[in-house]
Amino acid sequence: MSPCIFSIVACDIGYKDKAYDYFMRTARMDLDDHHGNTKDGIHAANMAGSWMGIVFGFGGFRIYNDKIKFEPIIPDKWKKYSFRVNYRGRLIKVEVDKKMVRLELLEGEEIEVLVYDSTMILSKNRDVEVLI
């Protein structure tokens, strides 16, 4: 599981290329049979680590004092990515491309979120967009 955590930390400290390398090692663990044991079964926890790398690493998702924050970055080799998080009954969709972050509240009550250092209010039927 270490490469997924290394990827998240690398995102946090601005080592985007290193973060991508660690993420790819995580995502391809079974495909490339890094430990020579894929014949014994998949590494399910490592698959969760791939999700964590996207959401907590590249997506910069954090919870501080019961408030959520996103600080997305995008690897140079990607055009875009998206993920969803469920926080206290609110389903939030996050889309990131080279120019913008888009957040959409799919389910639940209005919620205040931080995107980078800007406070946003998410409510149904109203996307929030922030330039990167």
N, C-alpha and C. Protein backbone atom coordinates (compact mmCIF):
# COMPACT_ATOMS: atom_id res chain seq x y z
N MET A 1 0.81 -1.20 0.00
CA MET A 1 0.00 0.00 0.00
C MET A 1 0.85 1.27 0.00
N SER A 2 2.12 1.19 0.23
CA SER A 2 2.94 2.40 0.34
C SER A 2 2.90 3.30 -0.89
N PRO A 3 2.97 2.77 -2.14
CA PRO A 3 2.97 3.69 -3.28
C PRO A 3 1.74 4.60 -3.34
N CYS A 4 0.58 4.14 -2.92
CA CYS A 4 -0.60 5.03 -2.97
C CYS A 4 -0.45 6.17 -1.97
N ILE A 5 0.08 5.88 -0.80
CA ILE A 5 0.30 6.94 0.20
C ILE A 5 1.41 7.88 -0.27
N PHE A 6 2.46 7.33 -0.86
CA PHE A 6 3.53 8.17 -1.39
C PHE A 6 2.97 9.11 -2.47
N SER A 7 2.06 8.61 -3.29
CA SER A 7 1.44 9.43 -4.33
C SER A 7 0.66 10.59 -3.72
N ILE A 8 -0.12 10.31 -2.69
CA ILE A 8 -0.91 11.35 -2.02
C ILE A 8 0.01 12.41 -1.43
N VAL A 9 1.05 11.98 -0.74
CA VAL A 9 1.99 12.92 -0.13
C VAL A 9 2.71 13.73 -1.21
N ALA A 10 3.10 13.09 -2.29
CA ALA A 10 3.76 13.81 -3.38
C ALA A 10 2.85 14.89 -3.96
N CYS A 11 1.55 14.60 -4.07
CA CYS A 11 0.60 15.64 -4.51
C CYS A 11 0.61 16.81 -3.53
N ASP A 12 0.57 16.49 -2.25
CA ASP A 12 0.52 17.53 -1.22
C ASP A 12 1.73 18.46 -1.24
N ILE A 13 2.89 17.93 -1.58
CA ILE A 13 4.10 18.76 -1.53
C ILE A 13 4.52 19.27 -2.90
N GLY A 14 3.66 19.07 -3.91
CA GLY A 14 3.90 19.65 -5.22
C GLY A 14 4.78 18.84 -6.16
N TYR A 15 4.99 17.57 -5.87
CA TYR A 15 5.78 16.70 -6.74
C TYR A 15 4.84 15.95 -7.67
N LYS A 16 4.24 16.68 -8.61
CA LYS A 16 3.19 16.12 -9.46
C LYS A 16 3.67 14.91 -10.29
N ASP A 17 4.86 15.00 -10.88
CA ASP A 17 5.36 13.89 -11.69
C ASP A 17 5.62 12.65 -10.85
N LYS A 18 6.20 12.84 -9.68
CA LYS A 18 6.46 11.73 -8.76
C LYS A 18 5.14 11.13 -8.30
N ALA A 19 4.15 11.98 -8.03
CA ALA A 19 2.83 11.51 -7.62
C ALA A 19 2.22 10.62 -8.70
N TYR A 20 2.37 11.04 -9.93
CA TYR A 20 1.83 10.25 -11.04
C TYR A 20 2.55 8.89 -11.14
N ASP A 21 3.86 8.89 -11.00
CA ASP A 21 4.61 7.64 -11.05
C ASP A 21 4.17 6.67 -9.96
N TYR A 22 4.02 7.17 -8.74
CA TYR A 22 3.55 6.31 -7.63
C TYR A 22 2.12 5.85 -7.88
N PHE A 23 1.27 6.74 -8.40
CA PHE A 23 -0.10 6.36 -8.69
C PHE A 23 -0.14 5.23 -9.72
N MET A 24 0.64 5.35 -10.77
CA MET A 24 0.65 4.32 -11.81
C MET A 24 1.17 3.00 -11.27
N ARG A 25 2.12 3.04 -10.39
CA ARG A 25 2.60 1.80 -9.75
C ARG A 25 1.47 1.16 -8.95
N THR A 26 0.69 1.99 -8.27
CA THR A 26 -0.44 1.50 -7.50
C THR A 26 -1.49 0.90 -8.43
N ALA A 27 -1.88 1.66 -9.44
CA ALA A 27 -2.96 1.24 -10.35
C ALA A 27 -2.59 -0.01 -11.14
N ARG A 28 -1.32 -0.19 -11.43
CA ARG A 28 -0.90 -1.31 -12.28
C ARG A 28 -0.27 -2.48 -11.50
N MET A 29 -0.39 -2.46 -10.19
CA MET A 29 0.26 -3.49 -9.37
C MET A 29 -0.01 -4.91 -9.87
N ASP A 30 -1.28 -5.25 -10.07
CA ASP A 30 -1.60 -6.61 -10.51
C ASP A 30 -1.34 -6.81 -12.00
N LEU A 31 -1.58 -5.79 -12.79
CA LEU A 31 -1.36 -5.91 -14.23
C LEU A 31 0.11 -6.18 -14.55
N ASP A 32 0.99 -5.52 -13.83
CA ASP A 32 2.43 -5.69 -14.06
C ASP A 32 3.04 -6.72 -13.12
N ASP A 33 2.24 -7.27 -12.21
CA ASP A 33 2.67 -8.30 -11.25
C ASP A 33 3.96 -7.89 -10.52
N HIS A 34 3.92 -6.69 -9.93
CA HIS A 34 5.09 -6.13 -9.27
C HIS A 34 5.69 -7.03 -8.19
N HIS A 35 4.86 -7.79 -7.51
CA HIS A 35 5.37 -8.64 -6.42
C HIS A 35 5.42 -10.12 -6.79
N GLY A 36 5.14 -10.44 -8.05
CA GLY A 36 5.22 -11.82 -8.50
C GLY A 36 4.21 -12.74 -7.84
N ASN A 37 3.08 -12.19 -7.38
CA ASN A 37 2.10 -13.03 -6.69
C ASN A 37 0.66 -12.83 -7.20
N THR A 38 0.51 -12.23 -8.36
CA THR A 38 -0.84 -12.02 -8.90
C THR A 38 -1.53 -13.35 -9.16
N LYS A 39 -0.78 -14.39 -9.40
CA LYS A 39 -1.36 -15.72 -9.61
C LYS A 39 -2.17 -16.18 -8.39
N ASP A 40 -1.88 -15.61 -7.24
CA ASP A 40 -2.57 -15.98 -5.99
C ASP A 40 -3.84 -15.17 -5.75
N GLY A 41 -4.10 -14.17 -6.60
CA GLY A 41 -5.30 -13.34 -6.46
C GLY A 41 -4.97 -11.87 -6.55
N ILE A 42 -6.01 -11.08 -6.63
CA ILE A 42 -5.83 -9.64 -6.77
C ILE A 42 -5.51 -8.98 -5.42
N HIS A 43 -4.95 -7.81 -5.49
CA HIS A 43 -4.68 -7.00 -4.30
C HIS A 43 -5.83 -6.00 -4.15
N ALA A 44 -6.91 -6.42 -3.52
CA ALA A 44 -8.11 -5.60 -3.40
C ALA A 44 -7.83 -4.29 -2.66
N ALA A 45 -7.05 -4.33 -1.61
CA ALA A 45 -6.74 -3.12 -0.86
C ALA A 45 -5.98 -2.14 -1.74
N ASN A 46 -5.15 -2.66 -2.61
CA ASN A 46 -4.40 -1.80 -3.52
C ASN A 46 -5.34 -1.11 -4.51
N MET A 47 -6.41 -1.79 -4.89
CA MET A 47 -7.40 -1.15 -5.77
C MET A 47 -8.03 0.05 -5.06
N ALA A 48 -8.29 -0.09 -3.77
CA ALA A 48 -8.80 1.04 -2.99
C ALA A 48 -7.75 2.14 -2.93
N GLY A 49 -6.48 1.76 -2.89
CA GLY A 49 -5.41 2.74 -2.90
C GLY A 49 -5.38 3.56 -4.17
N SER A 50 -5.77 2.95 -5.30
CA SER A 50 -5.87 3.69 -6.56
C SER A 50 -6.94 4.77 -6.45
N TRP A 51 -8.08 4.40 -5.87
CA TRP A 51 -9.16 5.37 -5.65
C TRP A 51 -8.67 6.49 -4.73
N MET A 52 -7.99 6.12 -3.65
CA MET A 52 -7.47 7.11 -2.72
C MET A 52 -6.49 8.07 -3.41
N GLY A 53 -5.67 7.52 -4.29
CA GLY A 53 -4.71 8.35 -5.01
C GLY A 53 -5.39 9.42 -5.85
N ILE A 54 -6.52 9.06 -6.46
CA ILE A 54 -7.26 10.04 -7.26
C ILE A 54 -7.96 11.05 -6.35
N VAL A 55 -8.72 10.56 -5.38
CA VAL A 55 -9.56 11.43 -4.56
C VAL A 55 -8.75 12.26 -3.57
N PHE A 56 -7.91 11.62 -2.78
CA PHE A 56 -7.15 12.34 -1.75
C PHE A 56 -5.86 12.96 -2.31
N GLY A 57 -5.30 12.31 -3.33
CA GLY A 57 -4.07 12.83 -3.93
C GLY A 57 -4.36 13.91 -4.95
N PHE A 58 -4.69 13.51 -6.18
CA PHE A 58 -4.92 14.47 -7.25
C PHE A 58 -6.13 15.36 -6.98
N GLY A 59 -7.18 14.81 -6.36
CA GLY A 59 -8.37 15.60 -6.06
C GLY A 59 -8.20 16.52 -4.86
N GLY A 60 -7.21 16.25 -4.03
CA GLY A 60 -6.94 17.09 -2.87
C GLY A 60 -8.09 17.16 -1.87
N PHE A 61 -8.87 16.09 -1.78
CA PHE A 61 -10.04 16.06 -0.87
C PHE A 61 -9.58 15.89 0.57
N ARG A 62 -10.02 16.79 1.43
CA ARG A 62 -9.71 16.71 2.86
C ARG A 62 -10.94 17.14 3.66
N ILE A 63 -10.97 16.71 4.90
CA ILE A 63 -12.00 17.14 5.84
C ILE A 63 -11.28 17.75 7.03
N TYR A 64 -11.56 19.03 7.30
CA TYR A 64 -10.97 19.75 8.42
C TYR A 64 -12.11 20.36 9.23
N ASN A 65 -12.12 20.08 10.52
CA ASN A 65 -13.12 20.68 11.41
C ASN A 65 -14.53 20.58 10.83
N ASP A 66 -14.85 19.40 10.31
CA ASP A 66 -16.19 19.12 9.78
C ASP A 66 -16.53 19.92 8.52
N LYS A 67 -15.49 20.42 7.82
CA LYS A 67 -15.69 21.10 6.55
C LYS A 67 -14.84 20.40 5.49
N ILE A 68 -15.38 20.36 4.27
CA ILE A 68 -14.63 19.68 3.22
C ILE A 68 -13.92 20.67 2.31
N LYS A 69 -12.79 20.20 1.79
CA LYS A 69 -11.94 21.03 0.95
C LYS A 69 -11.41 20.20 -0.20
N PHE A 70 -11.31 20.82 -1.37
CA PHE A 70 -10.71 20.21 -2.54
C PHE A 70 -9.60 21.12 -3.04
N GLU A 71 -8.46 20.52 -3.36
CA GLU A 71 -7.34 21.25 -3.98
C GLU A 71 -6.82 20.42 -5.15
N PRO A 72 -7.62 20.31 -6.21
CA PRO A 72 -7.25 19.41 -7.31
C PRO A 72 -6.04 19.87 -8.13
N ILE A 73 -5.30 18.88 -8.58
CA ILE A 73 -4.27 19.06 -9.60
C ILE A 73 -4.53 17.98 -10.65
N ILE A 74 -3.94 18.14 -11.81
CA ILE A 74 -4.14 17.14 -12.86
C ILE A 74 -2.79 16.72 -13.42
N PRO A 75 -2.56 15.42 -13.51
CA PRO A 75 -1.31 14.96 -14.10
C PRO A 75 -1.20 15.43 -15.56
N ASP A 76 0.00 15.71 -15.99
CA ASP A 76 0.23 16.19 -17.36
C ASP A 76 -0.30 15.20 -18.40
N LYS A 77 -0.26 13.91 -18.11
CA LYS A 77 -0.66 12.90 -19.09
C LYS A 77 -2.17 12.70 -19.17
N TRP A 78 -2.92 13.32 -18.30
CA TRP A 78 -4.38 13.18 -18.30
C TRP A 78 -5.02 14.40 -18.93
N LYS A 79 -6.17 14.19 -19.58
CA LYS A 79 -6.97 15.30 -20.10
C LYS A 79 -7.97 15.75 -19.06
N LYS A 80 -8.53 14.78 -18.33
CA LYS A 80 -9.52 15.09 -17.30
C LYS A 80 -9.72 13.85 -16.43
N TYR A 81 -10.36 14.05 -15.29
CA TYR A 81 -10.77 12.94 -14.45
C TYR A 81 -11.95 13.41 -13.61
N SER A 82 -12.67 12.46 -13.06
CA SER A 82 -13.79 12.80 -12.19
C SER A 82 -13.93 11.73 -11.12
N PHE A 83 -14.58 12.11 -10.04
CA PHE A 83 -14.88 11.17 -8.97
C PHE A 83 -16.07 11.71 -8.19
N ARG A 84 -16.61 10.87 -7.35
CA ARG A 84 -17.71 11.26 -6.48
C ARG A 84 -17.34 10.93 -5.05
N VAL A 85 -17.80 11.79 -4.14
CA VAL A 85 -17.64 11.51 -2.72
C VAL A 85 -19.00 11.69 -2.05
N ASN A 86 -19.23 10.90 -1.03
CA ASN A 86 -20.45 11.00 -0.25
C ASN A 86 -20.04 11.49 1.13
N TYR A 87 -20.53 12.66 1.51
CA TYR A 87 -20.19 13.24 2.79
C TYR A 87 -21.47 13.66 3.50
N ARG A 88 -21.76 13.00 4.60
CA ARG A 88 -22.92 13.33 5.43
C ARG A 88 -24.20 13.43 4.61
N GLY A 89 -24.43 12.41 3.78
CA GLY A 89 -25.66 12.35 3.00
C GLY A 89 -25.67 13.22 1.76
N ARG A 90 -24.53 13.81 1.44
CA ARG A 90 -24.44 14.61 0.22
C ARG A 90 -23.52 13.91 -0.75
N LEU A 91 -24.02 13.69 -1.95
CA LEU A 91 -23.21 13.08 -2.99
C LEU A 91 -22.70 14.20 -3.90
N ILE A 92 -21.39 14.33 -3.94
CA ILE A 92 -20.75 15.42 -4.68
C ILE A 92 -19.93 14.84 -5.82
N LYS A 93 -20.16 15.36 -7.01
CA LYS A 93 -19.38 14.95 -8.18
C LYS A 93 -18.34 16.03 -8.44
N VAL A 94 -17.11 15.59 -8.65
CA VAL A 94 -15.99 16.51 -8.92
C VAL A 94 -15.41 16.14 -10.28
N GLU A 95 -15.31 17.11 -11.16
CA GLU A 95 -14.68 16.92 -12.46
C GLU A 95 -13.51 17.90 -12.58
N VAL A 96 -12.39 17.41 -13.04
CA VAL A 96 -11.19 18.24 -13.17
C VAL A 96 -10.64 18.08 -14.58
N ASP A 97 -10.38 19.21 -15.23
CA ASP A 97 -9.66 19.17 -16.50
C ASP A 97 -8.50 20.15 -16.43
N LYS A 98 -7.86 20.40 -17.52
CA LYS A 98 -6.65 21.24 -17.51
C LYS A 98 -6.92 22.69 -17.12
N LYS A 99 -8.18 23.15 -17.26
CA LYS A 99 -8.48 24.55 -17.02
C LYS A 99 -9.40 24.81 -15.84
N MET A 100 -10.16 23.79 -15.43
CA MET A 100 -11.24 24.07 -14.50
C MET A 100 -11.57 22.87 -13.60
N VAL A 101 -12.13 23.21 -12.44
CA VAL A 101 -12.70 22.24 -11.51
C VAL A 101 -14.20 22.52 -11.48
N ARG A 102 -15.01 21.48 -11.66
CA ARG A 102 -16.46 21.63 -11.61
C ARG A 102 -17.00 20.72 -10.50
N LEU A 103 -17.79 21.29 -9.62
CA LEU A 103 -18.42 20.52 -8.55
C LEU A 103 -19.93 20.55 -8.74
N GLU A 104 -20.55 19.43 -8.48
CA GLU A 104 -22.00 19.32 -8.61
C GLU A 104 -22.55 18.54 -7.42
N LEU A 105 -23.56 19.07 -6.78
CA LEU A 105 -24.24 18.37 -5.70
C LEU A 105 -25.33 17.51 -6.33
N LEU A 106 -25.14 16.20 -6.29
CA LEU A 106 -26.10 15.28 -6.91
C LEU A 106 -27.23 14.91 -5.97
N GLU A 107 -26.92 14.79 -4.68
CA GLU A 107 -27.92 14.41 -3.69
C GLU A 107 -27.63 15.14 -2.39
N GLY A 108 -28.69 15.45 -1.66
CA GLY A 108 -28.54 15.99 -0.32
C GLY A 108 -28.76 17.49 -0.24
N GLU A 109 -28.61 17.98 0.98
CA GLU A 109 -28.83 19.39 1.31
C GLU A 109 -27.64 20.24 0.88
N GLU A 110 -27.90 21.51 0.69
CA GLU A 110 -26.87 22.49 0.37
C GLU A 110 -25.69 22.33 1.35
N ILE A 111 -24.48 22.58 0.85
CA ILE A 111 -23.29 22.45 1.69
C ILE A 111 -22.23 23.47 1.27
N GLU A 112 -21.51 23.94 2.25
CA GLU A 112 -20.39 24.85 2.01
C GLU A 112 -19.12 24.02 1.84
N VAL A 113 -18.34 24.31 0.80
CA VAL A 113 -17.08 23.62 0.57
C VAL A 113 -16.01 24.66 0.25
N LEU A 114 -14.79 24.27 0.48
CA LEU A 114 -13.64 25.09 0.12
C LEU A 114 -13.02 24.48 -1.13
N VAL A 115 -12.76 25.29 -2.14
CA VAL A 115 -12.04 24.86 -3.33
C VAL A 115 -10.83 25.78 -3.42
N TYR A 116 -9.65 25.16 -3.24
CA TYR A 116 -8.43 25.93 -3.02
C TYR A 116 -8.71 26.81 -1.80
N ASP A 117 -8.70 28.10 -1.92
CA ASP A 117 -8.96 28.95 -0.76
C ASP A 117 -10.27 29.72 -0.88
N SER A 118 -11.13 29.31 -1.80
CA SER A 118 -12.41 30.00 -2.00
C SER A 118 -13.55 29.17 -1.42
N THR A 119 -14.42 29.83 -0.67
CA THR A 119 -15.59 29.17 -0.11
C THR A 119 -16.70 29.18 -1.15
N MET A 120 -17.30 28.02 -1.37
CA MET A 120 -18.38 27.85 -2.35
C MET A 120 -19.57 27.21 -1.65
N ILE A 121 -20.75 27.52 -2.14
CA ILE A 121 -21.96 26.86 -1.67
C ILE A 121 -22.44 25.93 -2.78
N LEU A 122 -22.53 24.65 -2.47
CA LEU A 122 -23.06 23.69 -3.43
C LEU A 122 -24.53 23.47 -3.13
N SER A 123 -25.35 23.58 -4.17
CA SER A 123 -26.77 23.26 -4.04
C SER A 123 -27.19 22.54 -5.32
N LYS A 124 -28.27 21.81 -5.24
CA LYS A 124 -28.74 21.05 -6.41
C LYS A 124 -29.05 22.00 -7.56
N ASN A 125 -28.82 21.48 -8.76
CA ASN A 125 -29.12 22.21 -10.00
C ASN A 125 -28.29 23.48 -10.18
N ARG A 126 -27.14 23.54 -9.51
CA ARG A 126 -26.26 24.70 -9.65
C ARG A 126 -24.81 24.25 -9.54
N ASP A 127 -24.17 24.01 -10.67
CA ASP A 127 -22.76 23.61 -10.68
C ASP A 127 -21.90 24.79 -10.25
N VAL A 128 -20.79 24.46 -9.64
CA VAL A 128 -19.80 25.47 -9.27
C VAL A 128 -18.54 25.18 -10.09
N GLU A 129 -18.00 26.20 -10.74
CA GLU A 129 -16.80 26.04 -11.53
C GLU A 129 -15.72 26.99 -11.02
N VAL A 130 -14.48 26.45 -10.95
CA VAL A 130 -13.35 27.23 -10.47
C VAL A 130 -12.20 27.01 -11.46
N LEU A 131 -11.60 28.09 -11.93
CA LEU A 131 -10.46 27.98 -12.82
C LEU A 131 -9.24 27.49 -12.06
N ILE A 132 -8.47 26.67 -12.72
CA ILE A 132 -7.23 26.16 -12.10
C ILE A 132 -6.12 27.17 -12.33
